[in-house]
N, C-alpha and C. Protein backbone atom coordinates (compact mmCIF):
# COMPACT_ATOMS: atom_id res chain seq x y z
N MET A 1 -84.30 22.43 -2.33
CA MET A 1 -83.41 22.03 -3.36
C MET A 1 -82.31 23.04 -3.59
N GLU A 2 -82.67 24.31 -3.43
CA GLU A 2 -81.65 25.33 -3.62
C GLU A 2 -80.59 25.22 -2.56
N GLN A 3 -80.97 24.83 -1.41
CA GLN A 3 -80.00 24.66 -0.36
C GLN A 3 -79.07 23.54 -0.71
N SER A 4 -79.57 22.53 -1.32
CA SER A 4 -78.76 21.40 -1.71
C SER A 4 -77.80 21.82 -2.81
N ARG A 5 -78.28 22.65 -3.75
CA ARG A 5 -77.37 23.14 -4.79
C ARG A 5 -76.32 24.05 -4.18
N GLY A 6 -76.70 24.88 -3.25
CA GLY A 6 -75.75 25.78 -2.57
C GLY A 6 -74.73 24.98 -1.79
N GLU A 7 -75.23 23.94 -1.12
CA GLU A 7 -74.30 23.11 -0.36
C GLU A 7 -73.36 22.38 -1.30
N SER A 8 -73.90 21.91 -2.47
CA SER A 8 -73.02 21.20 -3.38
C SER A 8 -72.06 22.15 -4.03
N ALA A 9 -72.45 23.42 -4.26
CA ALA A 9 -71.52 24.41 -4.81
C ALA A 9 -70.44 24.71 -3.78
N ASN A 10 -70.86 24.86 -2.53
CA ASN A 10 -69.88 25.07 -1.46
C ASN A 10 -68.96 23.85 -1.33
N PHE A 11 -69.55 22.69 -1.46
CA PHE A 11 -68.77 21.47 -1.36
C PHE A 11 -67.77 21.39 -2.52
N GLY A 12 -68.20 21.77 -3.72
CA GLY A 12 -67.30 21.79 -4.89
C GLY A 12 -66.16 22.77 -4.68
N ARG A 13 -66.52 23.98 -4.15
CA ARG A 13 -65.46 24.96 -3.88
C ARG A 13 -64.53 24.47 -2.78
N LEU A 14 -65.09 23.80 -1.81
CA LEU A 14 -64.28 23.25 -0.73
C LEU A 14 -63.30 22.20 -1.27
N ILE A 15 -63.83 21.36 -2.18
CA ILE A 15 -62.96 20.33 -2.79
C ILE A 15 -61.88 21.01 -3.63
N GLU A 16 -62.27 22.02 -4.40
CA GLU A 16 -61.28 22.74 -5.22
C GLU A 16 -60.23 23.40 -4.32
N GLN A 17 -60.70 23.98 -3.23
CA GLN A 17 -59.77 24.62 -2.30
C GLN A 17 -58.82 23.59 -1.69
N ARG A 18 -59.37 22.43 -1.29
CA ARG A 18 -58.53 21.37 -0.71
C ARG A 18 -57.55 20.83 -1.74
N LEU A 19 -58.00 20.71 -3.01
CA LEU A 19 -57.09 20.24 -4.08
C LEU A 19 -55.99 21.27 -4.31
N ALA A 20 -56.33 22.55 -4.27
CA ALA A 20 -55.32 23.59 -4.44
C ALA A 20 -54.30 23.53 -3.29
N GLU A 21 -54.80 23.34 -2.05
CA GLU A 21 -53.89 23.20 -0.91
C GLU A 21 -53.00 21.97 -1.05
N LEU A 22 -53.61 20.88 -1.52
CA LEU A 22 -52.85 19.64 -1.73
C LEU A 22 -51.78 19.85 -2.79
N ASN A 23 -52.13 20.54 -3.89
CA ASN A 23 -51.14 20.83 -4.93
C ASN A 23 -50.01 21.69 -4.39
N LEU A 24 -50.35 22.70 -3.57
CA LEU A 24 -49.30 23.52 -2.95
C LEU A 24 -48.41 22.67 -2.05
N TYR A 25 -49.03 21.81 -1.27
CA TYR A 25 -48.27 20.93 -0.38
C TYR A 25 -47.34 20.02 -1.19
N LEU A 26 -47.90 19.45 -2.26
CA LEU A 26 -47.08 18.56 -3.11
C LEU A 26 -45.95 19.35 -3.77
N GLN A 27 -46.24 20.57 -4.21
CA GLN A 27 -45.20 21.40 -4.83
C GLN A 27 -44.10 21.69 -3.81
N ASP A 28 -44.51 22.04 -2.58
CA ASP A 28 -43.53 22.28 -1.52
C ASP A 28 -42.72 21.02 -1.24
N ALA A 29 -43.40 19.88 -1.22
CA ALA A 29 -42.71 18.60 -0.97
C ALA A 29 -41.70 18.33 -2.08
N ARG A 30 -42.10 18.60 -3.35
CA ARG A 30 -41.16 18.41 -4.47
C ARG A 30 -39.98 19.35 -4.34
N ASN A 31 -40.27 20.59 -3.96
CA ASN A 31 -39.18 21.57 -3.77
C ASN A 31 -38.25 21.13 -2.64
N ASP A 32 -38.86 20.64 -1.55
CA ASP A 32 -38.04 20.15 -0.43
C ASP A 32 -37.20 18.95 -0.86
N ALA A 33 -37.79 18.04 -1.65
CA ALA A 33 -37.06 16.87 -2.13
C ALA A 33 -35.93 17.31 -3.05
N GLY A 34 -36.20 18.28 -3.90
CA GLY A 34 -35.15 18.79 -4.79
C GLY A 34 -34.03 19.43 -3.99
N ALA A 35 -34.40 20.21 -2.98
CA ALA A 35 -33.40 20.85 -2.12
C ALA A 35 -32.60 19.79 -1.37
N PHE A 36 -33.29 18.74 -0.93
CA PHE A 36 -32.62 17.64 -0.23
C PHE A 36 -31.61 16.97 -1.15
N GLU A 37 -32.02 16.72 -2.39
CA GLU A 37 -31.11 16.10 -3.36
C GLU A 37 -29.92 17.01 -3.65
N ILE A 38 -30.18 18.31 -3.73
CA ILE A 38 -29.09 19.27 -3.95
C ILE A 38 -28.14 19.27 -2.76
N ASP A 39 -28.70 19.22 -1.55
CA ASP A 39 -27.84 19.17 -0.35
C ASP A 39 -26.99 17.90 -0.35
N ILE A 40 -27.57 16.78 -0.72
CA ILE A 40 -26.81 15.53 -0.79
C ILE A 40 -25.70 15.64 -1.84
N ALA A 41 -26.03 16.22 -2.99
CA ALA A 41 -25.02 16.39 -4.04
C ALA A 41 -23.88 17.29 -3.56
N LYS A 42 -24.23 18.36 -2.82
CA LYS A 42 -23.19 19.26 -2.28
C LYS A 42 -22.30 18.52 -1.28
N ILE A 43 -22.90 17.71 -0.44
CA ILE A 43 -22.11 16.94 0.54
C ILE A 43 -21.18 15.96 -0.18
N LYS A 44 -21.72 15.28 -1.19
CA LYS A 44 -20.88 14.35 -1.96
C LYS A 44 -19.73 15.11 -2.63
N LEU A 45 -20.05 16.28 -3.18
CA LEU A 45 -19.01 17.10 -3.82
C LEU A 45 -17.94 17.49 -2.81
N ASP A 46 -18.36 17.89 -1.60
CA ASP A 46 -17.39 18.23 -0.55
C ASP A 46 -16.50 17.04 -0.22
N ILE A 47 -17.11 15.86 -0.12
CA ILE A 47 -16.34 14.65 0.17
C ILE A 47 -15.33 14.40 -0.94
N TRP A 48 -15.77 14.50 -2.18
CA TRP A 48 -14.86 14.25 -3.32
C TRP A 48 -13.74 15.28 -3.36
N MET A 49 -14.06 16.53 -3.04
CA MET A 49 -13.05 17.59 -3.02
C MET A 49 -12.00 17.31 -1.94
N LYS A 50 -12.47 16.87 -0.75
CA LYS A 50 -11.53 16.55 0.32
C LYS A 50 -10.68 15.34 -0.04
N GLU A 51 -11.29 14.34 -0.67
CA GLU A 51 -10.51 13.17 -1.12
C GLU A 51 -9.48 13.59 -2.15
N ALA A 52 -9.88 14.44 -3.08
CA ALA A 52 -8.95 14.90 -4.12
C ALA A 52 -7.80 15.69 -3.50
N LYS A 53 -8.12 16.56 -2.54
CA LYS A 53 -7.08 17.34 -1.86
C LYS A 53 -6.12 16.42 -1.12
N THR A 54 -6.67 15.43 -0.42
CA THR A 54 -5.84 14.48 0.31
C THR A 54 -4.94 13.69 -0.64
N LYS A 55 -5.51 13.25 -1.76
CA LYS A 55 -4.71 12.49 -2.73
C LYS A 55 -3.64 13.38 -3.34
N LYS A 56 -3.96 14.64 -3.59
CA LYS A 56 -2.97 15.57 -4.14
C LYS A 56 -1.84 15.78 -3.14
N GLU A 57 -2.19 15.99 -1.87
CA GLU A 57 -1.17 16.18 -0.84
C GLU A 57 -0.31 14.93 -0.70
N LEU A 58 -0.94 13.77 -0.77
CA LEU A 58 -0.20 12.51 -0.70
C LEU A 58 0.75 12.38 -1.89
N ALA A 59 0.28 12.73 -3.07
CA ALA A 59 1.12 12.66 -4.27
C ALA A 59 2.29 13.63 -4.15
N GLU A 60 2.03 14.84 -3.64
CA GLU A 60 3.11 15.81 -3.46
C GLU A 60 4.13 15.30 -2.46
N HIS A 61 3.65 14.65 -1.40
CA HIS A 61 4.56 14.06 -0.41
C HIS A 61 5.38 12.95 -1.05
N GLU A 62 4.74 12.12 -1.86
CA GLU A 62 5.44 11.03 -2.55
C GLU A 62 6.51 11.59 -3.50
N VAL A 63 6.18 12.67 -4.20
CA VAL A 63 7.15 13.29 -5.12
C VAL A 63 8.34 13.83 -4.32
N ALA A 64 8.06 14.48 -3.21
CA ALA A 64 9.14 15.02 -2.37
C ALA A 64 10.01 13.89 -1.82
N ALA A 65 9.36 12.82 -1.35
CA ALA A 65 10.11 11.67 -0.82
C ALA A 65 10.94 11.03 -1.93
N TYR A 66 10.37 10.92 -3.12
CA TYR A 66 11.10 10.35 -4.25
C TYR A 66 12.30 11.22 -4.60
N GLY A 67 12.11 12.54 -4.59
CA GLY A 67 13.21 13.47 -4.88
C GLY A 67 14.34 13.32 -3.87
N ALA A 68 13.98 13.22 -2.59
CA ALA A 68 15.00 13.06 -1.54
C ALA A 68 15.72 11.73 -1.70
N LEU A 69 14.95 10.68 -1.98
CA LEU A 69 15.55 9.36 -2.18
C LEU A 69 16.47 9.35 -3.38
N LYS A 70 16.05 9.97 -4.46
CA LYS A 70 16.87 10.05 -5.67
C LYS A 70 18.16 10.80 -5.38
N SER A 71 18.07 11.89 -4.65
CA SER A 71 19.25 12.68 -4.29
C SER A 71 20.20 11.83 -3.44
N ASP A 72 19.66 11.12 -2.47
CA ASP A 72 20.49 10.25 -1.62
C ASP A 72 21.17 9.16 -2.45
N LEU A 73 20.42 8.57 -3.38
CA LEU A 73 21.00 7.51 -4.22
C LEU A 73 22.11 8.05 -5.12
N ILE A 74 21.93 9.26 -5.63
CA ILE A 74 22.97 9.87 -6.46
C ILE A 74 24.23 10.10 -5.62
N ASP A 75 24.04 10.59 -4.38
CA ASP A 75 25.18 10.79 -3.49
C ASP A 75 25.89 9.47 -3.20
N LEU A 76 25.12 8.44 -2.90
CA LEU A 76 25.71 7.13 -2.62
C LEU A 76 26.42 6.56 -3.84
N GLU A 77 25.85 6.77 -5.01
CA GLU A 77 26.48 6.31 -6.25
C GLU A 77 27.82 7.01 -6.45
N SER A 78 27.86 8.30 -6.16
CA SER A 78 29.10 9.07 -6.27
C SER A 78 30.14 8.53 -5.30
N GLN A 79 29.71 8.24 -4.07
CA GLN A 79 30.63 7.67 -3.08
C GLN A 79 31.14 6.31 -3.54
N LEU A 80 30.24 5.51 -4.13
CA LEU A 80 30.63 4.19 -4.62
C LEU A 80 31.70 4.30 -5.71
N TYR A 81 31.48 5.22 -6.65
CA TYR A 81 32.47 5.41 -7.72
C TYR A 81 33.81 5.90 -7.15
N ASP A 82 33.75 6.79 -6.15
CA ASP A 82 34.99 7.24 -5.50
C ASP A 82 35.73 6.07 -4.86
N LYS A 83 34.98 5.21 -4.16
CA LYS A 83 35.59 4.04 -3.53
C LYS A 83 36.16 3.08 -4.58
N MET A 84 35.42 2.90 -5.66
CA MET A 84 35.91 2.01 -6.73
C MET A 84 37.20 2.58 -7.33
N GLU A 85 37.25 3.89 -7.53
CA GLU A 85 38.45 4.53 -8.07
C GLU A 85 39.62 4.37 -7.11
N THR A 86 39.33 4.57 -5.82
CA THR A 86 40.38 4.39 -4.80
C THR A 86 40.86 2.94 -4.80
N GLY A 87 39.93 2.00 -4.91
CA GLY A 87 40.29 0.58 -4.95
C GLY A 87 41.12 0.24 -6.18
N GLU A 88 40.77 0.81 -7.34
CA GLU A 88 41.55 0.57 -8.56
C GLU A 88 42.96 1.14 -8.43
N LYS A 89 43.08 2.33 -7.82
CA LYS A 89 44.41 2.92 -7.61
C LYS A 89 45.23 2.04 -6.68
N ALA A 90 44.61 1.58 -5.60
CA ALA A 90 45.32 0.70 -4.66
C ALA A 90 45.72 -0.60 -5.34
N SER A 91 44.83 -1.14 -6.17
CA SER A 91 45.14 -2.37 -6.90
C SER A 91 46.31 -2.15 -7.86
N ASP A 92 46.30 -1.02 -8.56
CA ASP A 92 47.41 -0.70 -9.47
C ASP A 92 48.72 -0.56 -8.70
N GLU A 93 48.67 0.13 -7.53
CA GLU A 93 49.87 0.30 -6.72
C GLU A 93 50.37 -1.06 -6.22
N LEU A 94 49.45 -1.92 -5.78
CA LEU A 94 49.85 -3.25 -5.30
C LEU A 94 50.42 -4.08 -6.45
N SER A 95 49.85 -3.97 -7.63
CA SER A 95 50.38 -4.70 -8.79
C SER A 95 51.79 -4.22 -9.12
N ALA A 96 52.01 -2.91 -9.06
CA ALA A 96 53.34 -2.36 -9.32
C ALA A 96 54.32 -2.83 -8.25
N ARG A 97 53.90 -2.82 -7.02
CA ARG A 97 54.77 -3.27 -5.92
C ARG A 97 55.07 -4.75 -6.06
N LEU A 98 54.05 -5.54 -6.42
CA LEU A 98 54.25 -6.98 -6.63
C LEU A 98 55.24 -7.20 -7.76
N ALA A 99 55.14 -6.42 -8.82
CA ALA A 99 56.09 -6.54 -9.93
C ALA A 99 57.50 -6.22 -9.46
N GLN A 100 57.64 -5.18 -8.61
CA GLN A 100 58.96 -4.85 -8.08
C GLN A 100 59.50 -5.99 -7.22
N LEU A 101 58.63 -6.51 -6.34
CA LEU A 101 59.07 -7.60 -5.46
C LEU A 101 59.41 -8.84 -6.27
N SER A 102 58.63 -9.11 -7.30
CA SER A 102 58.91 -10.26 -8.16
C SER A 102 60.26 -10.08 -8.86
N SER A 103 60.54 -8.87 -9.30
CA SER A 103 61.82 -8.57 -9.95
C SER A 103 62.96 -8.73 -8.95
N ARG A 104 62.77 -8.24 -7.74
CA ARG A 104 63.80 -8.38 -6.71
C ARG A 104 64.01 -9.84 -6.35
N LEU A 105 62.90 -10.62 -6.29
CA LEU A 105 63.02 -12.05 -5.99
C LEU A 105 63.80 -12.77 -7.09
N ASP A 106 63.48 -12.41 -8.34
CA ASP A 106 64.23 -13.02 -9.45
C ASP A 106 65.72 -12.67 -9.33
N SER A 107 66.00 -11.42 -9.00
CA SER A 107 67.38 -10.98 -8.84
C SER A 107 68.05 -11.72 -7.68
N PHE A 108 67.31 -11.87 -6.57
CA PHE A 108 67.85 -12.57 -5.41
C PHE A 108 68.12 -14.03 -5.75
N GLU A 109 67.19 -14.67 -6.45
CA GLU A 109 67.37 -16.07 -6.84
C GLU A 109 68.59 -16.21 -7.75
N LYS A 110 68.78 -15.27 -8.66
CA LYS A 110 69.93 -15.31 -9.56
C LYS A 110 71.22 -15.18 -8.76
N GLU A 111 71.22 -14.24 -7.81
CA GLU A 111 72.41 -14.08 -6.98
C GLU A 111 72.66 -15.32 -6.15
N THR A 112 71.56 -15.90 -5.62
CA THR A 112 71.70 -17.12 -4.83
C THR A 112 72.27 -18.24 -5.69
N ASN A 113 71.77 -18.39 -6.89
CA ASN A 113 72.27 -19.43 -7.80
C ASN A 113 73.74 -19.18 -8.15
N ASP A 114 74.07 -17.91 -8.37
CA ASP A 114 75.46 -17.57 -8.69
C ASP A 114 76.38 -17.91 -7.51
N LEU A 115 75.88 -17.59 -6.31
CA LEU A 115 76.69 -17.89 -5.11
C LEU A 115 76.82 -19.41 -4.91
N ASN A 116 75.76 -20.12 -5.18
CA ASN A 116 75.81 -21.59 -5.03
C ASN A 116 76.79 -22.17 -6.05
N THR A 117 76.77 -21.58 -7.20
CA THR A 117 77.68 -22.06 -8.23
C THR A 117 79.13 -21.78 -7.80
N GLU A 118 79.39 -20.63 -7.25
CA GLU A 118 80.73 -20.29 -6.81
C GLU A 118 81.18 -21.19 -5.67
N ILE A 119 80.26 -21.47 -4.80
CA ILE A 119 80.59 -22.33 -3.65
C ILE A 119 80.89 -23.70 -4.19
C-alpha cells in the first residue's frame, strides 16, 4: 500500500509538473500571440505612414501644379487685357478716321452739289 501511496504522490507531482509546463507553454503562446499582434499593428502603422506620406507628396504636387497654373492664368489674363486695350485703341482710331472720312464725304457731296448747281 505504501508503494501505491508513493506512486500516487509521484503521479500527483508528475501531474503538477505537467500542469506547470502546460502553464508555461500557454504563457509563452500568449506572449507569442501578443508579439504577433504587435507586429501586425506595426506593419499596419508602417502602411498608414507610407500612405500618409504618399498623400502628402501628392497634395504638395497638386499645390505646386495649382500655383503654376494660377501663374499661367494670370499671365494670360494680362495678355488678354493688353490685347483688349490695343483693340480699343484701334477701334477709337478707326472711329476717328471714319469720322474724318464721313466729314470729307459730306464736303465732297456739298462740292458736287454746288458744281451740279453751277452746271
